Amino acid sequence: MTPPASPSPVASMAAAVERLYTVFGRYVRPRGETYSPYANVTAAEVGAIRERPLRDLSGRDLAKYAMRAITTWGDADELRYYLPRLLELLVTERGWVDKATVMLNLSTAAWRAWPGSEQEAIEAFVRAAWLPLLAGEMKVSLAELALGCSLADISLKPMEEAWCAAPDVPSSLQLADLITLERDELLAGGTFGTRWSPEARRVLERVVKCPETRARMERACLLAADADAARLVSDAIEILEMMPEAI
């Protein structure tokens, strides 16, 4: 008997999103004045995101909350109410927020002390995102999600595993973007900067220093759809060639 086919990365991502809504569905819509007078938000702005169904909220609707969650607006339960939509928008909309900050909110809310089912749902969501992200099918970059995971104490090992199975060109473009963003730190010390956790640095160093990574990026240069993409990958390869041994 032929074994059933594995779900596609996009289907796995959709299932992980639905799991978030199920697991966090027990948290009720916030009520009352849960924001600081120093949060620079109005009652009308708060009401605008509370009065509509959670799934109808856009990134623009939630941007101000996402940047103030826990610190000056709401508590951990309020974050958990909005979290499924925040994480869904993280991968489906561009330009509405600093995406690493959305993940940092988890650390601020001490999410590692949350029930195991909630932690597992978040980790499953991130794990499911890596392969479609590296295939160019998500509206979040490798740099954004990897930094967010680093800030939230989420391992990047699943990203490393997904990298091995990802298509050459889109994955190389994602990695090239990350390398060029980290150019100064890589050229100065041969490693990623101190804003990254030790675990994240170790995983990223393994990926960028792997011989197969260099071969993949060289193939991507030849296969890139346009000159700008080829130049981005070429610049990243040059950075890797100039990197000193880690200090």
C-alpha atoms as a PDB file:
ATOM      1  CA  MET A   1       0.000   0.000   0.000  1.00  0.00           C
ATOM      2  CA  THR A   2       1.321   3.428  -0.925  1.00  0.00           C
ATOM      3  CA  PRO A   3       1.762   5.597   2.170  1.00  0.00           C
ATOM      4  CA  PRO A   4      -0.315   8.802   2.221  1.00  0.00           C
ATOM      5  CA  ALA A   5       1.425  11.847   0.818  1.00  0.00           C
ATOM      6  CA  SER A   6       2.777  14.333   3.305  1.00  0.00           C
ATOM      7  CA  PRO A   7       0.858  17.621   3.414  1.00  0.00           C
ATOM      8  CA  SER A   8       2.352  20.438   1.392  1.00  0.00           C
ATOM      9  CA  PRO A   9       4.282  23.143   3.266  1.00  0.00           C
ATOM     10  CA  VAL A  10       1.460  25.611   2.638  1.00  0.00           C
ATOM     11  CA  ALA A  11      -1.119  23.142   3.985  1.00  0.00           C
ATOM     12  CA  SER A  12       1.049  22.500   7.044  1.00  0.00           C
ATOM     13  CA  MET A  13       1.285  26.249   7.589  1.00  0.00           C
ATOM     14  CA  ALA A  14      -2.493  26.637   7.373  1.00  0.00           C
ATOM     15  CA  ALA A  15      -2.974  23.805   9.871  1.00  0.00           C
ATOM     16  CA  ALA A  16      -0.496  25.413  12.275  1.00  0.00           C
ATOM     17  CA  VAL A  17      -2.394  28.701  12.087  1.00  0.00           C
ATOM     18  CA  GLU A  18      -5.683  26.965  12.846  1.00  0.00           C
ATOM     19  CA  ARG A  19      -4.043  25.242  15.787  1.00  0.00           C
ATOM     20  CA  LEU A  20      -3.146  28.660  17.215  1.00  0.00           C
ATOM     21  CA  TYR A  21      -6.757  29.812  17.010  1.00  0.00           C
ATOM     22  CA  THR A  22      -7.929  26.603  18.676  1.00  0.00           C
ATOM     23  CA  VAL A  23      -5.384  26.582  21.495  1.00  0.00           C
ATOM     24  CA  PHE A  24      -5.682  30.289  22.303  1.00  0.00           C
ATOM     25  CA  GLY A  25      -9.421  30.453  21.684  1.00  0.00           C
ATOM     26  CA  ARG A  26     -10.166  30.244  25.396  1.00  0.00           C
ATOM     27  CA  TYR A  27      -8.882  33.769  25.982  1.00  0.00           C
ATOM     28  CA  VAL A  28     -11.736  36.262  25.917  1.00  0.00           C
ATOM     29  CA  ARG A  29     -11.943  39.625  24.229  1.00  0.00           C
ATOM     30  CA  PRO A  30     -10.320  42.205  26.546  1.00  0.00           C
ATOM     31  CA  ARG A  31     -12.537  44.718  28.302  1.00  0.00           C
ATOM     32  CA  GLY A  32     -11.952  47.881  30.269  1.00  0.00           C
ATOM     33  CA  GLU A  33      -9.007  50.255  30.284  1.00  0.00           C
ATOM     34  CA  THR A  34      -6.006  47.942  30.057  1.00  0.00           C
ATOM     35  CA  TYR A  35      -3.510  50.448  28.675  1.00  0.00           C
ATOM     36  CA  SER A  36      -1.199  52.911  30.368  1.00  0.00           C
ATOM     37  CA  PRO A  37      -1.837  56.654  30.085  1.00  0.00           C
ATOM     38  CA  TYR A  38       1.679  56.770  28.629  1.00  0.00           C
ATOM     39  CA  ALA A  39       0.873  54.319  25.822  1.00  0.00           C
ATOM     40  CA  ASN A  40      -0.176  57.113  23.423  1.00  0.00           C
ATOM     41  CA  VAL A  41      -3.379  55.307  22.457  1.00  0.00           C
ATOM     42  CA  THR A  42      -6.969  56.450  22.622  1.00  0.00           C
ATOM     43  CA  ALA A  43     -10.109  54.697  23.776  1.00  0.00           C
ATOM     44  CA  ALA A  44     -11.324  54.860  20.170  1.00  0.00           C
ATOM     45  CA  GLU A  45      -8.217  53.024  18.925  1.00  0.00           C
ATOM     46  CA  VAL A  46      -8.637  50.352  21.574  1.00  0.00           C
ATOM     47  CA  GLY A  47     -12.315  49.980  20.783  1.00  0.00           C
ATOM     48  CA  ALA A  48     -11.605  49.650  17.076  1.00  0.00           C
ATOM     49  CA  ILE A  49      -9.716  46.388  17.533  1.00  0.00           C
ATOM     50  CA  ARG A  50     -11.996  45.026  20.259  1.00  0.00           C
ATOM     51  CA  GLU A  51     -15.286  45.536  18.450  1.00  0.00           C
ATOM     52  CA  ARG A  52     -14.432  43.513  15.337  1.00  0.00           C
ATOM     53  CA  PRO A  53     -13.911  39.754  14.933  1.00  0.00           C
ATOM     54  CA  LEU A  54     -10.308  38.792  15.566  1.00  0.00           C
ATOM     55  CA  ARG A  55      -9.784  37.256  12.145  1.00  0.00           C
ATOM     56  CA  ASP A  56     -11.019  40.439  10.435  1.00  0.00           C
ATOM     57  CA  LEU A  57      -8.251  42.601  11.905  1.00  0.00           C
ATOM     58  CA  SER A  58      -5.481  43.687   9.557  1.00  0.00           C
ATOM     59  CA  GLY A  59      -1.859  44.399  10.295  1.00  0.00           C
ATOM     60  CA  ARG A  60      -2.585  48.114  10.193  1.00  0.00           C
ATOM     61  CA  ASP A  61      -5.353  47.620  12.765  1.00  0.00           C
ATOM     62  CA  LEU A  62      -3.050  45.783  15.175  1.00  0.00           C
ATOM     63  CA  ALA A  63       0.215  47.655  14.550  1.00  0.00           C
ATOM     64  CA  LYS A  64      -0.026  50.017  17.502  1.00  0.00           C
ATOM     65  CA  TYR A  65      -1.015  47.226  19.881  1.00  0.00           C
ATOM     66  CA  ALA A  66       1.787  44.969  18.608  1.00  0.00           C
ATOM     67  CA  MET A  67       4.410  47.606  19.431  1.00  0.00           C
ATOM     68  CA  ARG A  68       3.010  48.276  22.922  1.00  0.00           C
ATOM     69  CA  ALA A  69       1.803  44.859  24.062  1.00  0.00           C
ATOM     70  CA  ILE A  70       2.684  43.994  27.657  1.00  0.00           C
ATOM     71  CA  THR A  71       4.887  47.058  28.189  1.00  0.00           C
ATOM     72  CA  THR A  72       2.168  49.758  28.149  1.00  0.00           C
ATOM     73  CA  TRP A  73      -0.904  47.993  26.796  1.00  0.00           C
ATOM     74  CA  GLY A  74      -2.465  44.916  28.348  1.00  0.00           C
ATOM     75  CA  ASP A  75      -1.198  41.802  30.088  1.00  0.00           C
ATOM     76  CA  ALA A  76      -0.233  38.296  29.009  1.00  0.00           C
ATOM     77  CA  ASP A  77      -3.859  37.177  28.665  1.00  0.00           C
ATOM     78  CA  GLU A  78      -4.644  40.098  26.375  1.00  0.00           C
ATOM     79  CA  LEU A  79      -1.608  39.197  24.259  1.00  0.00           C
ATOM     80  CA  ARG A  80      -2.801  35.601  24.096  1.00  0.00           C
ATOM     81  CA  TYR A  81      -6.202  36.744  22.844  1.00  0.00           C
ATOM     82  CA  TYR A  82      -4.621  38.616  19.922  1.00  0.00           C
ATOM     83  CA  LEU A  83      -1.680  36.236  19.388  1.00  0.00           C
ATOM     84  CA  PRO A  84      -3.182  33.917  16.737  1.00  0.00           C
ATOM     85  CA  ARG A  85      -3.986  36.863  14.494  1.00  0.00           C
ATOM     86  CA  LEU A  86      -0.668  38.596  15.201  1.00  0.00           C
ATOM     87  CA  LEU A  87       1.293  35.496  14.210  1.00  0.00           C
ATOM     88  CA  GLU A  88      -0.896  34.854  11.173  1.00  0.00           C
ATOM     89  CA  LEU A  89      -0.349  38.430   9.963  1.00  0.00           C
ATOM     90  CA  LEU A  90       3.366  38.028  10.637  1.00  0.00           C
ATOM     91  CA  VAL A  91       3.599  35.697   7.636  1.00  0.00           C
ATOM     92  CA  THR A  92       0.763  37.032   5.447  1.00  0.00           C
ATOM     93  CA  GLU A  93       1.169  40.830   5.451  1.00  0.00           C
ATOM     94  CA  ARG A  94       4.196  43.017   4.897  1.00  0.00           C
ATOM     95  CA  GLY A  95       5.102  46.416   6.244  1.00  0.00           C
ATOM     96  CA  TRP A  96       2.751  46.756   9.210  1.00  0.00           C
ATOM     97  CA  VAL A  97       5.165  46.290  12.107  1.00  0.00           C
ATOM     98  CA  ASP A  98       8.712  45.491  13.142  1.00  0.00           C
ATOM     99  CA  LYS A  99       8.183  41.740  12.989  1.00  0.00           C
ATOM    100  CA  ALA A 100      10.916  40.801  15.434  1.00  0.00           C
ATOM    101  CA  THR A 101       9.100  42.927  18.017  1.00  0.00           C
ATOM    102  CA  VAL A 102       5.989  40.771  17.664  1.00  0.00           C
ATOM    103  CA  MET A 103       8.109  37.771  18.659  1.00  0.00           C
ATOM    104  CA  LEU A 104       9.890  39.722  21.407  1.00  0.00           C
ATOM    105  CA  ASN A 105       6.485  40.270  23.013  1.00  0.00           C
ATOM    106  CA  LEU A 106       6.485  36.557  23.812  1.00  0.00           C
ATOM    107  CA  SER A 107       9.596  36.896  25.948  1.00  0.00           C
ATOM    108  CA  THR A 108       8.221  40.014  27.622  1.00  0.00           C
ATOM    109  CA  ALA A 109       5.113  37.994  28.516  1.00  0.00           C
ATOM    110  CA  ALA A 110       7.233  35.105  29.907  1.00  0.00           C
ATOM    111  CA  TRP A 111       5.713  32.672  27.413  1.00  0.00           C
ATOM    112  CA  ARG A 112       8.017  29.847  28.513  1.00  0.00           C
ATOM    113  CA  ALA A 113       5.934  29.723  31.697  1.00  0.00           C
ATOM    114  CA  TRP A 114       2.681  29.294  29.737  1.00  0.00           C
ATOM    115  CA  PRO A 115       0.921  25.909  29.495  1.00  0.00           C
ATOM    116  CA  GLY A 116       2.728  23.342  27.370  1.00  0.00           C
ATOM    117  CA  SER A 117      -0.044  23.238  24.769  1.00  0.00           C
ATOM    118  CA  GLU A 118       0.387  26.954  24.122  1.00  0.00           C
ATOM    119  CA  GLN A 119       4.157  26.734  23.837  1.00  0.00           C
ATOM    120  CA  GLU A 120       3.848  23.765  21.490  1.00  0.00           C
ATOM    121  CA  ALA A 121       1.345  25.577  19.247  1.00  0.00           C
ATOM    122  CA  ILE A 122       3.697  28.552  18.883  1.00  0.00           C
ATOM    123  CA  GLU A 123       6.689  26.332  18.136  1.00  0.00           C
ATOM    124  CA  ALA A 124       4.647  24.302  15.629  1.00  0.00           C
ATOM    125  CA  PHE A 125       3.644  27.518  13.867  1.00  0.00           C
ATOM    126  CA  VAL A 126       7.252  28.668  13.559  1.00  0.00           C
ATOM    127  CA  ARG A 127       8.408  25.229  12.468  1.00  0.00           C
ATOM    128  CA  ALA A 128       5.758  25.109   9.749  1.00  0.00           C
ATOM    129  CA  ALA A 129       6.739  28.570   8.485  1.00  0.00           C
ATOM    130  CA  TRP A 130      10.357  27.814   7.611  1.00  0.00           C
ATOM    131  CA  LEU A 131      10.005  25.790   4.426  1.00  0.00           C
ATOM    132  CA  PRO A 132       7.428  28.021   2.696  1.00  0.00           C
ATOM    133  CA  LEU A 133       9.410  31.061   3.852  1.00  0.00           C
ATOM    134  CA  LEU A 134      12.605  29.709   2.308  1.00  0.00           C
ATOM    135  CA  ALA A 135      10.640  28.907  -0.849  1.00  0.00           C
ATOM    136  CA  GLY A 136       9.582  32.557  -1.109  1.00  0.00           C
ATOM    137  CA  GLU A 137       5.933  31.892  -0.270  1.00  0.00           C
ATOM    138  CA  MET A 138       5.612  33.897   2.970  1.00  0.00           C
ATOM    139  CA  LYS A 139       5.491  37.653   3.506  1.00  0.00           C
ATOM    140  CA  VAL A 140       8.169  37.577   6.156  1.00  0.00           C
ATOM    141  CA  SER A 141      11.894  37.343   5.586  1.00  0.00           C
ATOM    142  CA  LEU A 142      14.402  34.902   6.983  1.00  0.00           C
ATOM    143  CA  ALA A 143      16.119  37.820   8.723  1.00  0.00           C
ATOM    144  CA  GLU A 144      12.889  38.934  10.412  1.00  0.00           C
ATOM    145  CA  LEU A 145      11.686  35.552  11.607  1.00  0.00           C
ATOM    146  CA  ALA A 146      15.124  34.298  12.612  1.00  0.00           C
ATOM    147  CA  LEU A 147      15.783  37.398  14.727  1.00  0.00           C
ATOM    148  CA  GLY A 148      12.310  37.154  16.235  1.00  0.00           C
ATOM    149  CA  CYS A 149      12.944  33.534  17.190  1.00  0.00           C
ATOM    150  CA  SER A 150      16.289  34.466  18.682  1.00  0.00           C
ATOM    151  CA  LEU A 151      14.651  37.158  20.822  1.00  0.00           C
ATOM    152  CA  ALA A 152      11.857  34.790  21.870  1.00  0.00           C
ATOM    153  CA  ASP A 153      14.106  31.840  22.781  1.00  0.00           C
ATOM    154  CA  ILE A 154      12.850  29.661  19.920  1.00  0.00           C
ATOM    155  CA  SER A 155      15.441  27.344  18.415  1.00  0.00           C
ATOM    156  CA  LEU A 156      16.602  27.918  14.836  1.00  0.00           C
ATOM    157  CA  LYS A 157      17.426  24.234  14.330  1.00  0.00           C
ATOM    158  CA  PRO A 158      14.131  23.653  12.444  1.00  0.00           C
ATOM    159  CA  MET A 159      15.179  26.446  10.090  1.00  0.00           C
ATOM    160  CA  GLU A 160      18.476  24.673   9.493  1.00  0.00           C
ATOM    161  CA  GLU A 161      16.605  21.457   8.693  1.00  0.00           C
ATOM    162  CA  ALA A 162      14.238  23.286   6.328  1.00  0.00           C
ATOM    163  CA  TRP A 163      17.217  24.931   4.617  1.00  0.00           C
ATOM    164  CA  CYS A 164      18.476  21.527   3.511  1.00  0.00           C
ATOM    165  CA  ALA A 165      15.193  20.853   1.673  1.00  0.00           C
ATOM    166  CA  ALA A 166      14.541  24.362   0.327  1.00  0.00           C
ATOM    167  CA  PRO A 167      14.780  25.305  -3.378  1.00  0.00           C
ATOM    168  CA  ASP A 168      18.050  26.911  -4.466  1.00  0.00           C
ATOM    169  CA  VAL A 169      17.081  30.363  -5.694  1.00  0.00           C
ATOM    170  CA  PRO A 170      14.486  31.626  -3.193  1.00  0.00           C
ATOM    171  CA  SER A 171      16.368  30.212  -0.211  1.00  0.00           C
ATOM    172  CA  SER A 172      19.621  31.781  -1.423  1.00  0.00           C
ATOM    173  CA  LEU A 173      17.897  35.132  -1.807  1.00  0.00           C
ATOM    174  CA  GLN A 174      16.589  34.912   1.749  1.00  0.00           C
ATOM    175  CA  LEU A 175      19.994  33.996   3.147  1.00  0.00           C
ATOM    176  CA  ALA A 176      21.741  36.632   1.036  1.00  0.00           C
ATOM    177  CA  ASP A 177      19.415  39.283   2.474  1.00  0.00           C
ATOM    178  CA  LEU A 178      20.292  38.177   6.007  1.00  0.00           C
ATOM    179  CA  ILE A 179      24.034  38.100   5.269  1.00  0.00           C
ATOM    180  CA  THR A 180      24.058  41.592   3.770  1.00  0.00           C
ATOM    181  CA  LEU A 181      22.069  42.960   6.711  1.00  0.00           C
ATOM    182  CA  GLU A 182      24.646  41.454   9.086  1.00  0.00           C
ATOM    183  CA  ARG A 183      27.606  42.487   6.896  1.00  0.00           C
ATOM    184  CA  ASP A 184      29.425  44.680   9.425  1.00  0.00           C
ATOM    185  CA  GLU A 185      29.344  42.083  12.222  1.00  0.00           C
ATOM    186  CA  LEU A 186      30.328  39.233   9.916  1.00  0.00           C
ATOM    187  CA  LEU A 187      33.292  41.125   8.504  1.00  0.00           C
ATOM    188  CA  ALA A 188      34.394  42.477  11.887  1.00  0.00           C
ATOM    189  CA  GLY A 189      34.208  39.303  13.955  1.00  0.00           C
ATOM    190  CA  GLY A 190      33.425  36.422  11.651  1.00  0.00           C
ATOM    191  CA  THR A 191      30.098  35.806  13.357  1.00  0.00           C
ATOM    192  CA  PHE A 192      26.663  37.277  13.865  1.00  0.00           C
ATOM    193  CA  GLY A 193      26.235  40.190  16.254  1.00  0.00           C
ATOM    194  CA  THR A 194      25.385  40.217  19.936  1.00  0.00           C
ATOM    195  CA  ARG A 195      21.698  40.921  19.319  1.00  0.00           C
ATOM    196  CA  TRP A 196      21.478  37.234  18.365  1.00  0.00           C
ATOM    197  CA  SER A 197      21.271  34.557  21.052  1.00  0.00           C
ATOM    198  CA  PRO A 198      24.214  32.137  21.352  1.00  0.00           C
ATOM    199  CA  GLU A 199      22.065  29.305  19.976  1.00  0.00           C
ATOM    200  CA  ALA A 200      20.953  31.385  16.994  1.00  0.00           C
ATOM    201  CA  ARG A 201      24.536  32.377  16.222  1.00  0.00           C
ATOM    202  CA  ARG A 202      25.667  28.761  16.266  1.00  0.00           C
ATOM    203  CA  VAL A 203      22.921  27.643  13.895  1.00  0.00           C
ATOM    204  CA  LEU A 204      23.385  30.564  11.501  1.00  0.00           C
ATOM    205  CA  GLU A 205      27.146  30.085  11.453  1.00  0.00           C
ATOM    206  CA  ARG A 206      26.716  26.433  10.536  1.00  0.00           C
ATOM    207  CA  VAL A 207      24.414  27.378   7.678  1.00  0.00           C
ATOM    208  CA  VAL A 208      26.578  30.139   6.203  1.00  0.00           C
ATOM    209  CA  LYS A 209      29.832  28.191   6.581  1.00  0.00           C
ATOM    210  CA  CYS A 210      28.516  24.952   5.113  1.00  0.00           C
ATOM    211  CA  PRO A 211      30.146  24.139   1.735  1.00  0.00           C
ATOM    212  CA  GLU A 212      26.751  23.248   0.293  1.00  0.00           C
ATOM    213  CA  THR A 213      25.509  26.741   1.131  1.00  0.00           C
ATOM    214  CA  ARG A 214      28.258  28.278  -0.975  1.00  0.00           C
ATOM    215  CA  ALA A 215      27.502  25.874  -3.846  1.00  0.00           C
ATOM    216  CA  ARG A 216      23.779  26.641  -3.624  1.00  0.00           C
ATOM    217  CA  MET A 217      24.361  30.383  -3.700  1.00  0.00           C
ATOM    218  CA  GLU A 218      26.638  30.073  -6.710  1.00  0.00           C
ATOM    219  CA  ARG A 219      23.916  28.117  -8.517  1.00  0.00           C
ATOM    220  CA  ALA A 220      21.392  30.758  -7.527  1.00  0.00           C
ATOM    221  CA  CYS A 221      23.548  33.479  -9.078  1.00  0.00           C
ATOM    222  CA  LEU A 222      23.290  31.691 -12.415  1.00  0.00           C
ATOM    223  CA  LEU A 223      19.573  30.973 -12.094  1.00  0.00           C
ATOM    224  CA  ALA A 224      18.378  34.281 -10.629  1.00  0.00           C
ATOM    225  CA  ALA A 225      15.480  35.874 -12.470  1.00  0.00           C
ATOM    226  CA  ASP A 226      17.051  39.322 -12.736  1.00  0.00           C
ATOM    227  CA  ALA A 227      20.279  41.244 -12.289  1.00  0.00           C
ATOM    228  CA  ASP A 228      19.314  42.689  -8.900  1.00  0.00           C
ATOM    229  CA  ALA A 229      18.701  39.244  -7.423  1.00  0.00           C
ATOM    230  CA  ALA A 230      21.955  37.924  -8.854  1.00  0.00           C
ATOM    231  CA  ARG A 231      23.820  40.932  -7.452  1.00  0.00           C
ATOM    232  CA  LEU A 232      22.353  40.409  -3.989  1.00  0.00           C
ATOM    233  CA  VAL A 233      23.524  36.795  -3.894  1.00  0.00           C
ATOM    234  CA  SER A 234      26.908  37.740  -5.355  1.00  0.00           C
ATOM    235  CA  ASP A 235      27.410  40.411  -2.673  1.00  0.00           C
ATOM    236  CA  ALA A 236      26.577  37.869   0.033  1.00  0.00           C
ATOM    237  CA  ILE A 237      29.072  35.371  -1.382  1.00  0.00           C
ATOM    238  CA  GLU A 238      31.730  38.081  -1.320  1.00  0.00           C
ATOM    239  CA  ILE A 239      30.978  38.795   2.350  1.00  0.00           C
ATOM    240  CA  LEU A 240      31.366  35.112   3.172  1.00  0.00           C
ATOM    241  CA  GLU A 241      34.691  35.012   1.320  1.00  0.00           C
ATOM    242  CA  MET A 242      35.968  38.012   3.318  1.00  0.00           C
ATOM    243  CA  MET A 243      34.787  36.782   6.729  1.00  0.00           C
ATOM    244  CA  PRO A 244      37.604  36.249   9.218  1.00  0.00           C
ATOM    245  CA  GLU A 245      37.609  33.264  11.533  1.00  0.00           C
ATOM    246  CA  ALA A 246      35.261  33.891  14.438  1.00  0.00           C
ATOM    247  CA  ILE A 247      36.938  35.780  17.267  1.00  0.00           C
END
